Amino acid sequence: MEPIENPRARALRIRFGVCLVVASWLPIAQVTIWLTAPSSGQAERIRAVIWGIQVVVGLIGVAVAGSQTIQVAKSVGWRRSPGAVWRLIRSPNAPADPAL
């Protein structure tokens, strides 16, 4: 088993990944189109480009948060991993096992 890394760094990566996933769901394309008022052809291109970027950002967020979550799950078990990840996000200095 690999050594446990700094819990603060792991929590930061999980938080960053979750923020990227949330940011990928923001209606940035609609706001941009509303603010710039382009023609219909330009609006479709703007929407496609922004949605493409948002999909990539969301996938990066899933990869960052997911890799750290998998490491937590391997160390505490799959059944206990949701609670351990939640505790890690809330307070990184708390022990991963509530019994400790």
PDB file of N, CA and C in Angstrom:
ATOM      1  N   MET A   1       0.842  -1.175   0.000  1.00  0.00           N
ATOM      2  CA  MET A   1       0.000   0.000   0.000  1.00  0.00           C
ATOM      3  C   MET A   1       0.887   1.238   0.000  1.00  0.00           C
ATOM      4  N   GLU A   2       0.494   2.255  -0.742  1.00  0.00           N
ATOM      5  CA  GLU A   2       1.298   3.464  -0.817  1.00  0.00           C
ATOM      6  C   GLU A   2       1.108   4.311   0.432  1.00  0.00           C
ATOM      7  N   PRO A   3       2.100   5.113   0.806  1.00  0.00           N
ATOM      8  CA  PRO A   3       1.973   5.931   2.004  1.00  0.00           C
ATOM      9  C   PRO A   3       0.894   6.996   1.824  1.00  0.00           C
ATOM     10  N   ILE A   4       0.246   7.340   2.931  1.00  0.00           N
ATOM     11  CA  ILE A   4      -0.815   8.351   2.904  1.00  0.00           C
ATOM     12  C   ILE A   4      -0.165   9.724   2.750  1.00  0.00           C
ATOM     13  N   GLU A   5      -0.619  10.468   1.764  1.00  0.00           N
ATOM     14  CA  GLU A   5      -0.063  11.799   1.540  1.00  0.00           C
ATOM     15  C   GLU A   5      -0.752  12.806   2.448  1.00  0.00           C
ATOM     16  N   ASN A   6      -0.343  14.024   2.329  1.00  0.00           N
ATOM     17  CA  ASN A   6      -0.883  15.106   3.129  1.00  0.00           C
ATOM     18  C   ASN A   6      -2.395  15.218   2.912  1.00  0.00           C
ATOM     19  N   PRO A   7      -3.195  15.102   3.980  1.00  0.00           N
ATOM     20  CA  PRO A   7      -4.644  15.183   3.802  1.00  0.00           C
ATOM     21  C   PRO A   7      -5.108  16.554   3.302  1.00  0.00           C
ATOM     22  N   ARG A   8      -4.389  17.602   3.633  1.00  0.00           N
ATOM     23  CA  ARG A   8      -4.770  18.933   3.140  1.00  0.00           C
ATOM     24  C   ARG A   8      -4.635  19.011   1.620  1.00  0.00           C
ATOM     25  N   ALA A   9      -3.573  18.429   1.092  1.00  0.00           N
ATOM     26  CA  ALA A   9      -3.375  18.443  -0.359  1.00  0.00           C
ATOM     27  C   ALA A   9      -4.447  17.605  -1.045  1.00  0.00           C
ATOM     28  N   ARG A  10      -4.776  16.467  -0.466  1.00  0.00           N
ATOM     29  CA  ARG A  10      -5.824  15.615  -1.033  1.00  0.00           C
ATOM     30  C   ARG A  10      -7.171  16.338  -0.999  1.00  0.00           C
ATOM     31  N   ALA A  11      -7.489  16.988   0.122  1.00  0.00           N
ATOM     32  CA  ALA A  11      -8.755  17.729   0.231  1.00  0.00           C
ATOM     33  C   ALA A  11      -8.798  18.877  -0.766  1.00  0.00           C
ATOM     34  N   LEU A  12      -7.669  19.554  -0.955  1.00  0.00           N
ATOM     35  CA  LEU A  12      -7.617  20.656  -1.910  1.00  0.00           C
ATOM     36  C   LEU A  12      -7.879  20.161  -3.326  1.00  0.00           C
ATOM     37  N   ARG A  13      -7.313  19.015  -3.683  1.00  0.00           N
ATOM     38  CA  ARG A  13      -7.538  18.463  -5.022  1.00  0.00           C
ATOM     39  C   ARG A  13      -8.993  18.052  -5.219  1.00  0.00           C
ATOM     40  N   ILE A  14      -9.591  17.459  -4.198  1.00  0.00           N
ATOM     41  CA  ILE A  14     -10.998  17.072  -4.313  1.00  0.00           C
ATOM     42  C   ILE A  14     -11.876  18.315  -4.440  1.00  0.00           C
ATOM     43  N   ARG A  15     -11.624  19.323  -3.625  1.00  0.00           N
ATOM     44  CA  ARG A  15     -12.404  20.568  -3.717  1.00  0.00           C
ATOM     45  C   ARG A  15     -12.243  21.225  -5.078  1.00  0.00           C
ATOM     46  N   PHE A  16     -11.024  21.249  -5.583  1.00  0.00           N
ATOM     47  CA  PHE A  16     -10.760  21.842  -6.891  1.00  0.00           C
ATOM     48  C   PHE A  16     -11.503  21.087  -7.989  1.00  0.00           C
ATOM     49  N   GLY A  17     -11.478  19.770  -7.933  1.00  0.00           N
ATOM     50  CA  GLY A  17     -12.186  18.963  -8.922  1.00  0.00           C
ATOM     51  C   GLY A  17     -13.683  19.198  -8.875  1.00  0.00           C
ATOM     52  N   VAL A  18     -14.240  19.274  -7.677  1.00  0.00           N
ATOM     53  CA  VAL A  18     -15.678  19.526  -7.539  1.00  0.00           C
ATOM     54  C   VAL A  18     -16.018  20.920  -8.073  1.00  0.00           C
ATOM     55  N   CYS A  19     -15.185  21.905  -7.802  1.00  0.00           N
ATOM     56  CA  CYS A  19     -15.422  23.264  -8.326  1.00  0.00           C
ATOM     57  C   CYS A  19     -15.389  23.284  -9.849  1.00  0.00           C
ATOM     58  N   LEU A  20     -14.477  22.525 -10.449  1.00  0.00           N
ATOM     59  CA  LEU A  20     -14.432  22.457 -11.912  1.00  0.00           C
ATOM     60  C   LEU A  20     -15.703  21.827 -12.477  1.00  0.00           C
ATOM     61  N   VAL A  21     -16.198  20.780 -11.838  1.00  0.00           N
ATOM     62  CA  VAL A  21     -17.430  20.144 -12.304  1.00  0.00           C
ATOM     63  C   VAL A  21     -18.596  21.118 -12.183  1.00  0.00           C
ATOM     64  N   VAL A  22     -18.686  21.828 -11.076  1.00  0.00           N
ATOM     65  CA  VAL A  22     -19.762  22.813 -10.901  1.00  0.00           C
ATOM     66  C   VAL A  22     -19.639  23.923 -11.935  1.00  0.00           C
ATOM     67  N   ALA A  23     -18.422  24.394 -12.181  1.00  0.00           N
ATOM     68  CA  ALA A  23     -18.215  25.457 -13.173  1.00  0.00           C
ATOM     69  C   ALA A  23     -18.600  25.008 -14.573  1.00  0.00           C
ATOM     70  N   SER A  24     -18.457  23.723 -14.844  1.00  0.00           N
ATOM     71  CA  SER A  24     -18.817  23.235 -16.179  1.00  0.00           C
ATOM     72  C   SER A  24     -20.321  23.251 -16.411  1.00  0.00           C
ATOM     73  N   TRP A  25     -21.108  23.374 -15.373  1.00  0.00           N
ATOM     74  CA  TRP A  25     -22.559  23.401 -15.506  1.00  0.00           C
ATOM     75  C   TRP A  25     -23.132  24.816 -15.521  1.00  0.00           C
ATOM     76  N   LEU A  26     -22.309  25.829 -15.332  1.00  0.00           N
ATOM     77  CA  LEU A  26     -22.811  27.214 -15.345  1.00  0.00           C
ATOM     78  C   LEU A  26     -23.247  27.605 -16.758  1.00  0.00           C
ATOM     79  N   PRO A  27     -24.277  28.433 -16.890  1.00  0.00           N
ATOM     80  CA  PRO A  27     -24.781  28.816 -18.218  1.00  0.00           C
ATOM     81  C   PRO A  27     -23.957  29.936 -18.862  1.00  0.00           C
ATOM     82  N   ILE A  28     -22.684  29.707 -19.014  1.00  0.00           N
ATOM     83  CA  ILE A  28     -21.776  30.722 -19.550  1.00  0.00           C
ATOM     84  C   ILE A  28     -22.112  31.039 -21.005  1.00  0.00           C
ATOM     85  N   ALA A  29     -22.476  30.041 -21.790  1.00  0.00           N
ATOM     86  CA  ALA A  29     -22.794  30.263 -23.207  1.00  0.00           C
ATOM     87  C   ALA A  29     -23.997  31.182 -23.349  1.00  0.00           C
ATOM     88  N   GLN A  30     -25.036  30.946 -22.579  1.00  0.00           N
ATOM     89  CA  GLN A  30     -26.234  31.768 -22.686  1.00  0.00           C
ATOM     90  C   GLN A  30     -25.964  33.210 -22.260  1.00  0.00           C
ATOM     91  N   VAL A  31     -25.196  33.377 -21.203  1.00  0.00           N
ATOM     92  CA  VAL A  31     -24.875  34.733 -20.735  1.00  0.00           C
ATOM     93  C   VAL A  31     -24.023  35.457 -21.776  1.00  0.00           C
ATOM     94  N   THR A  32     -23.056  34.757 -22.353  1.00  0.00           N
ATOM     95  CA  THR A  32     -22.208  35.363 -23.388  1.00  0.00           C
ATOM     96  C   THR A  32     -23.032  35.777 -24.598  1.00  0.00           C
ATOM     97  N   ILE A  33     -23.918  34.913 -25.022  1.00  0.00           N
ATOM     98  CA  ILE A  33     -24.770  35.234 -26.171  1.00  0.00           C
ATOM     99  C   ILE A  33     -25.696  36.395 -25.837  1.00  0.00           C
ATOM    100  N   TRP A  34     -26.227  36.421 -24.641  1.00  0.00           N
ATOM    101  CA  TRP A  34     -27.111  37.510 -24.229  1.00  0.00           C
ATOM    102  C   TRP A  34     -26.360  38.844 -24.178  1.00  0.00           C
ATOM    103  N   LEU A  35     -25.115  38.818 -23.683  1.00  0.00           N
ATOM    104  CA  LEU A  35     -24.345  40.059 -23.564  1.00  0.00           C
ATOM    105  C   LEU A  35     -23.840  40.577 -24.913  1.00  0.00           C
ATOM    106  N   THR A  36     -23.477  39.670 -25.823  1.00  0.00           N
ATOM    107  CA  THR A  36     -22.898  40.114 -27.094  1.00  0.00           C
ATOM    108  C   THR A  36     -23.919  40.298 -28.197  1.00  0.00           C
ATOM    109  N   ALA A  37     -25.073  39.670 -28.095  1.00  0.00           N
ATOM    110  CA  ALA A  37     -26.150  39.754 -29.093  1.00  0.00           C
ATOM    111  C   ALA A  37     -25.636  39.492 -30.518  1.00  0.00           C
ATOM    112  N   PRO A  38     -25.031  38.340 -30.774  1.00  0.00           N
ATOM    113  CA  PRO A  38     -24.535  38.039 -32.117  1.00  0.00           C
ATOM    114  C   PRO A  38     -25.673  37.568 -33.027  1.00  0.00           C
ATOM    115  N   SER A  39     -25.358  37.417 -34.310  1.00  0.00           N
ATOM    116  CA  SER A  39     -26.349  36.859 -35.227  1.00  0.00           C
ATOM    117  C   SER A  39     -26.549  35.378 -34.905  1.00  0.00           C
ATOM    118  N   SER A  40     -27.566  34.759 -35.492  1.00  0.00           N
ATOM    119  CA  SER A  40     -27.898  33.377 -35.125  1.00  0.00           C
ATOM    120  C   SER A  40     -26.767  32.403 -35.457  1.00  0.00           C
ATOM    121  N   GLY A  41     -26.079  32.588 -36.597  1.00  0.00           N
ATOM    122  CA  GLY A  41     -24.968  31.705 -36.955  1.00  0.00           C
ATOM    123  C   GLY A  41     -23.809  31.847 -35.994  1.00  0.00           C
ATOM    124  N   GLN A  42     -23.505  33.084 -35.606  1.00  0.00           N
ATOM    125  CA  GLN A  42     -22.428  33.309 -34.645  1.00  0.00           C
ATOM    126  C   GLN A  42     -22.806  32.780 -33.264  1.00  0.00           C
ATOM    127  N   ALA A  43     -24.074  32.914 -32.910  1.00  0.00           N
ATOM    128  CA  ALA A  43     -24.527  32.431 -31.609  1.00  0.00           C
ATOM    129  C   ALA A  43     -24.338  30.922 -31.503  1.00  0.00           C
ATOM    130  N   GLU A  44     -24.643  30.210 -32.578  1.00  0.00           N
ATOM    131  CA  GLU A  44     -24.479  28.754 -32.558  1.00  0.00           C
ATOM    132  C   GLU A  44     -23.014  28.364 -32.429  1.00  0.00           C
ATOM    133  N   ARG A  45     -22.130  29.088 -33.117  1.00  0.00           N
ATOM    134  CA  ARG A  45     -20.695  28.798 -33.003  1.00  0.00           C
ATOM    135  C   ARG A  45     -20.175  29.109 -31.612  1.00  0.00           C
ATOM    136  N   ILE A  46     -20.600  30.245 -31.052  1.00  0.00           N
ATOM    137  CA  ILE A  46     -20.187  30.609 -29.689  1.00  0.00           C
ATOM    138  C   ILE A  46     -20.645  29.545 -28.708  1.00  0.00           C
ATOM    139  N   ARG A  47     -21.899  29.137 -28.836  1.00  0.00           N
ATOM    140  CA  ARG A  47     -22.453  28.116 -27.945  1.00  0.00           C
ATOM    141  C   ARG A  47     -21.675  26.801 -28.060  1.00  0.00           C
ATOM    142  N   ALA A  48     -21.365  26.383 -29.273  1.00  0.00           N
ATOM    143  CA  ALA A  48     -20.645  25.119 -29.478  1.00  0.00           C
ATOM    144  C   ALA A  48     -19.237  25.179 -28.877  1.00  0.00           C
ATOM    145  N   VAL A  49     -18.553  26.289 -29.075  1.00  0.00           N
ATOM    146  CA  VAL A  49     -17.190  26.425 -28.536  1.00  0.00           C
ATOM    147  C   VAL A  49     -17.213  26.431 -27.009  1.00  0.00           C
ATOM    148  N   ILE A  50     -18.118  27.218 -26.427  1.00  0.00           N
ATOM    149  CA  ILE A  50     -18.169  27.301 -24.967  1.00  0.00           C
ATOM    150  C   ILE A  50     -18.595  25.965 -24.371  1.00  0.00           C
ATOM    151  N   TRP A  51     -19.566  25.299 -24.963  1.00  0.00           N
ATOM    152  CA  TRP A  51     -19.973  23.993 -24.453  1.00  0.00           C
ATOM    153  C   TRP A  51     -18.845  22.980 -24.571  1.00  0.00           C
ATOM    154  N   GLY A  52     -18.094  23.037 -25.648  1.00  0.00           N
ATOM    155  CA  GLY A  52     -16.944  22.145 -25.789  1.00  0.00           C
ATOM    156  C   GLY A  52     -15.921  22.369 -24.690  1.00  0.00           C
ATOM    157  N   ILE A  53     -15.639  23.625 -24.406  1.00  0.00           N
ATOM    158  CA  ILE A  53     -14.698  23.954 -23.330  1.00  0.00           C
ATOM    159  C   ILE A  53     -15.251  23.495 -21.987  1.00  0.00           C
ATOM    160  N   GLN A  54     -16.553  23.693 -21.769  1.00  0.00           N
ATOM    161  CA  GLN A  54     -17.148  23.288 -20.497  1.00  0.00           C
ATOM    162  C   GLN A  54     -17.119  21.769 -20.308  1.00  0.00           C
ATOM    163  N   VAL A  55     -17.308  21.026 -21.371  1.00  0.00           N
ATOM    164  CA  VAL A  55     -17.231  19.566 -21.266  1.00  0.00           C
ATOM    165  C   VAL A  55     -15.816  19.146 -20.872  1.00  0.00           C
ATOM    166  N   VAL A  56     -14.819  19.752 -21.475  1.00  0.00           N
ATOM    167  CA  VAL A  56     -13.428  19.423 -21.136  1.00  0.00           C
ATOM    168  C   VAL A  56     -13.130  19.793 -19.686  1.00  0.00           C
ATOM    169  N   VAL A  57     -13.583  20.966 -19.246  1.00  0.00           N
ATOM    170  CA  VAL A  57     -13.367  21.392 -17.860  1.00  0.00           C
ATOM    171  C   VAL A  57     -14.039  20.422 -16.890  1.00  0.00           C
ATOM    172  N   GLY A  58     -15.255  19.996 -17.206  1.00  0.00           N
ATOM    173  CA  GLY A  58     -15.953  19.038 -16.348  1.00  0.00           C
ATOM    174  C   GLY A  58     -15.234  17.702 -16.275  1.00  0.00           C
ATOM    175  N   LEU A  59     -14.733  17.224 -17.395  1.00  0.00           N
ATOM    176  CA  LEU A  59     -14.003  15.955 -17.396  1.00  0.00           C
ATOM    177  C   LEU A  59     -12.699  16.049 -16.609  1.00  0.00           C
ATOM    178  N   ILE A  60     -12.034  17.181 -16.704  1.00  0.00           N
ATOM    179  CA  ILE A  60     -10.818  17.390 -15.906  1.00  0.00           C
ATOM    180  C   ILE A  60     -11.170  17.382 -14.418  1.00  0.00           C
ATOM    181  N   GLY A  61     -12.266  18.043 -14.056  1.00  0.00           N
ATOM    182  CA  GLY A  61     -12.705  18.046 -12.658  1.00  0.00           C
ATOM    183  C   GLY A  61     -13.016  16.656 -12.150  1.00  0.00           C
ATOM    184  N   VAL A  62     -13.706  15.860 -12.966  1.00  0.00           N
ATOM    185  CA  VAL A  62     -14.008  14.478 -12.576  1.00  0.00           C
ATOM    186  C   VAL A  62     -12.718  13.679 -12.421  1.00  0.00           C
ATOM    187  N   ALA A  63     -11.759  13.894 -13.306  1.00  0.00           N
ATOM    188  CA  ALA A  63     -10.489  13.166 -13.216  1.00  0.00           C
ATOM    189  C   ALA A  63      -9.712  13.550 -11.956  1.00  0.00           C
ATOM    190  N   VAL A  64      -9.668  14.834 -11.643  1.00  0.00           N
ATOM    191  CA  VAL A  64      -8.913  15.291 -10.468  1.00  0.00           C
ATOM    192  C   VAL A  64      -9.566  14.798  -9.183  1.00  0.00           C
ATOM    193  N   ALA A  65     -10.864  15.057  -9.027  1.00  0.00           N
ATOM    194  CA  ALA A  65     -11.555  14.644  -7.805  1.00  0.00           C
ATOM    195  C   ALA A  65     -11.678  13.124  -7.735  1.00  0.00           C
ATOM    196  N   GLY A  66     -11.912  12.492  -8.865  1.00  0.00           N
ATOM    197  CA  GLY A  66     -12.087  11.049  -8.883  1.00  0.00           C
ATOM    198  C   GLY A  66     -10.832  10.290  -8.512  1.00  0.00           C
ATOM    199  N   SER A  67      -9.686  10.744  -8.997  1.00  0.00           N
ATOM    200  CA  SER A  67      -8.444  10.036  -8.665  1.00  0.00           C
ATOM    201  C   SER A  67      -8.165  10.097  -7.167  1.00  0.00           C
ATOM    202  N   GLN A  68      -8.429  11.234  -6.566  1.00  0.00           N
ATOM    203  CA  GLN A  68      -8.214  11.353  -5.124  1.00  0.00           C
ATOM    204  C   GLN A  68      -9.243  10.548  -4.342  1.00  0.00           C
ATOM    205  N   THR A  69     -10.475  10.530  -4.815  1.00  0.00           N
ATOM    206  CA  THR A  69     -11.523   9.761  -4.147  1.00  0.00           C
ATOM    207  C   THR A  69     -11.235   8.271  -4.227  1.00  0.00           C
ATOM    208  N   ILE A  70     -10.709   7.814  -5.335  1.00  0.00           N
ATOM    209  CA  ILE A  70     -10.350   6.397  -5.472  1.00  0.00           C
ATOM    210  C   ILE A  70      -9.234   6.037  -4.494  1.00  0.00           C
ATOM    211  N   GLN A  71      -8.278   6.931  -4.321  1.00  0.00           N
ATOM    212  CA  GLN A  71      -7.214   6.667  -3.349  1.00  0.00           C
ATOM    213  C   GLN A  71      -7.775   6.570  -1.931  1.00  0.00           C
ATOM    214  N   VAL A  72      -8.724   7.449  -1.596  1.00  0.00           N
ATOM    215  CA  VAL A  72      -9.358   7.377  -0.276  1.00  0.00           C
ATOM    216  C   VAL A  72     -10.122   6.064  -0.141  1.00  0.00           C
ATOM    217  N   ALA A  73     -10.850   5.687  -1.184  1.00  0.00           N
ATOM    218  CA  ALA A  73     -11.632   4.446  -1.138  1.00  0.00           C
ATOM    219  C   ALA A  73     -10.733   3.229  -0.978  1.00  0.00           C
ATOM    220  N   LYS A  74      -9.585   3.239  -1.597  1.00  0.00           N
ATOM    221  CA  LYS A  74      -8.661   2.118  -1.448  1.00  0.00           C
ATOM    222  C   LYS A  74      -8.115   2.028  -0.023  1.00  0.00           C
ATOM    223  N   SER A  75      -7.974   3.171   0.636  1.00  0.00           N
ATOM    224  CA  SER A  75      -7.409   3.151   1.981  1.00  0.00           C
ATOM    225  C   SER A  75      -8.444   2.834   3.063  1.00  0.00           C
ATOM    226  N   VAL A  76      -9.709   3.233   2.875  1.00  0.00           N
ATOM    227  CA  VAL A  76     -10.714   2.994   3.925  1.00  0.00           C
ATOM    228  C   VAL A  76     -11.791   2.005   3.506  1.00  0.00           C
ATOM    229  N   GLY A  77     -11.828   1.632   2.238  1.00  0.00           N
ATOM    230  CA  GLY A  77     -12.853   0.715   1.751  1.00  0.00           C
ATOM    231  C   GLY A  77     -13.953   1.470   1.021  1.00  0.00           C
ATOM    232  N   TRP A  78     -14.589   0.774   0.089  1.00  0.00           N
ATOM    233  CA  TRP A  78     -15.599   1.428  -0.752  1.00  0.00           C
ATOM    234  C   TRP A  78     -16.839   1.853   0.026  1.00  0.00           C
ATOM    235  N   ARG A  79     -17.228   1.062   1.005  1.00  0.00           N
ATOM    236  CA  ARG A  79     -18.440   1.405   1.761  1.00  0.00           C
ATOM    237  C   ARG A  79     -18.246   2.622   2.650  1.00  0.00           C
ATOM    238  N   ARG A  80     -17.059   2.793   3.164  1.00  0.00           N
ATOM    239  CA  ARG A  80     -16.796   3.907   4.079  1.00  0.00           C
ATOM    240  C   ARG A  80     -16.247   5.134   3.370  1.00  0.00           C
ATOM    241  N   SER A  81     -16.001   5.039   2.076  1.00  0.00           N
ATOM    242  CA  SER A  81     -15.369   6.156   1.368  1.00  0.00           C
ATOM    243  C   SER A  81     -16.230   7.413   1.272  1.00  0.00           C
ATOM    244  N   PRO A  82     -17.558   7.351   1.069  1.00  0.00           N
ATOM    245  CA  PRO A  82     -18.308   8.617   1.012  1.00  0.00           C
ATOM    246  C   PRO A  82     -18.176   9.443   2.294  1.00  0.00           C
ATOM    247  N   GLY A  83     -18.272   8.790   3.437  1.00  0.00           N
ATOM    248  CA  GLY A  83     -18.115   9.509   4.698  1.00  0.00           C
ATOM    249  C   GLY A  83     -16.709  10.041   4.886  1.00  0.00           C
ATOM    250  N   ALA A  84     -15.722   9.234   4.499  1.00  0.00           N
ATOM    251  CA  ALA A  84     -14.334   9.665   4.644  1.00  0.00           C
ATOM    252  C   ALA A  84     -14.023  10.846   3.733  1.00  0.00           C
ATOM    253  N   VAL A  85     -14.542  10.816   2.504  1.00  0.00           N
ATOM    254  CA  VAL A  85     -14.317  11.941   1.583  1.00  0.00           C
ATOM    255  C   VAL A  85     -15.016  13.192   2.101  1.00  0.00           C
ATOM    256  N   TRP A  86     -16.227  13.029   2.617  1.00  0.00           N
ATOM    257  CA  TRP A  86     -16.955  14.185   3.147  1.00  0.00           C
ATOM    258  C   TRP A  86     -16.198  14.793   4.332  1.00  0.00           C
ATOM    259  N   ARG A  87     -15.708  13.948   5.248  1.00  0.00           N
ATOM    260  CA  ARG A  87     -14.923  14.465   6.375  1.00  0.00           C
ATOM    261  C   ARG A  87     -13.637  15.125   5.893  1.00  0.00           C
ATOM    262  N   LEU A  88     -13.018  14.551   4.871  1.00  0.00           N
ATOM    263  CA  LEU A  88     -11.785  15.109   4.329  1.00  0.00           C
ATOM    264  C   LEU A  88     -12.039  16.482   3.712  1.00  0.00           C
ATOM    265  N   ILE A  89     -13.158  16.641   3.011  1.00  0.00           N
ATOM    266  CA  ILE A  89     -13.484  17.930   2.398  1.00  0.00           C
ATOM    267  C   ILE A  89     -13.791  18.967   3.479  1.00  0.00           C
ATOM    268  N   ARG A  90     -14.560  18.566   4.493  1.00  0.00           N
ATOM    269  CA  ARG A  90     -14.943  19.516   5.545  1.00  0.00           C
ATOM    270  C   ARG A  90     -13.766  19.925   6.407  1.00  0.00           C
ATOM    271  N   SER A  91     -13.022  18.947   6.899  1.00  0.00           N
ATOM    272  CA  SER A  91     -11.888  19.251   7.780  1.00  0.00           C
ATOM    273  C   SER A  91     -10.767  18.261   7.490  1.00  0.00           C
ATOM    274  N   PRO A  92      -9.772  18.674   6.711  1.00  0.00           N
ATOM    275  CA  PRO A  92      -8.704  17.763   6.290  1.00  0.00           C
ATOM    276  C   PRO A  92      -7.848  17.223   7.427  1.00  0.00           C
ATOM    277  N   ASN A  93      -7.834  17.868   8.587  1.00  0.00           N
ATOM    278  CA  ASN A  93      -6.990  17.399   9.679  1.00  0.00           C
ATOM    279  C   ASN A  93      -7.668  16.328  10.519  1.00  0.00           C
ATOM    280  N   ALA A  94      -8.978  16.095  10.280  1.00  0.00           N
ATOM    281  CA  ALA A  94      -9.690  15.064  11.053  1.00  0.00           C
ATOM    282  C   ALA A  94      -9.209  13.687  10.592  1.00  0.00           C
ATOM    283  N   PRO A  95      -9.190  12.718  11.484  1.00  0.00           N
ATOM    284  CA  PRO A  95      -8.787  11.364  11.082  1.00  0.00           C
ATOM    285  C   PRO A  95      -9.801  10.778  10.111  1.00  0.00           C
ATOM    286  N   ALA A  96      -9.328   9.917   9.204  1.00  0.00           N
ATOM    287  CA  ALA A  96     -10.208   9.308   8.213  1.00  0.00           C
ATOM    288  C   ALA A  96     -11.190   8.340   8.845  1.00  0.00           C
ATOM    289  N   ASP A  97     -10.803   7.734   9.971  1.00  0.00           N
ATOM    290  CA  ASP A  97     -11.664   6.783  10.649  1.00  0.00           C
ATOM    291  C   ASP A  97     -12.331   7.488  11.825  1.00  0.00           C
ATOM    292  N   PRO A  98     -13.687   7.537  11.881  1.00  0.00           N
ATOM    293  CA  PRO A  98     -14.341   8.234  12.970  1.00  0.00           C
ATOM    294  C   PRO A  98     -14.084   7.606  14.343  1.00  0.00           C
ATOM    295  N   ALA A  99     -13.675   6.346  14.372  1.00  0.00           N
ATOM    296  CA  ALA A  99     -13.391   5.679  15.640  1.00  0.00           C
ATOM    297  C   ALA A  99     -12.055   6.133  16.244  1.00  0.00           C
ATOM    298  N   LEU A 100     -11.205   6.761  15.430  1.00  0.00           N
ATOM    299  CA  LEU A 100      -9.885   7.197  15.931  1.00  0.00           C
ATOM    300  C   LEU A 100      -9.968   8.460  16.728  1.00  0.00           C
TER     301      LEU A 100
END
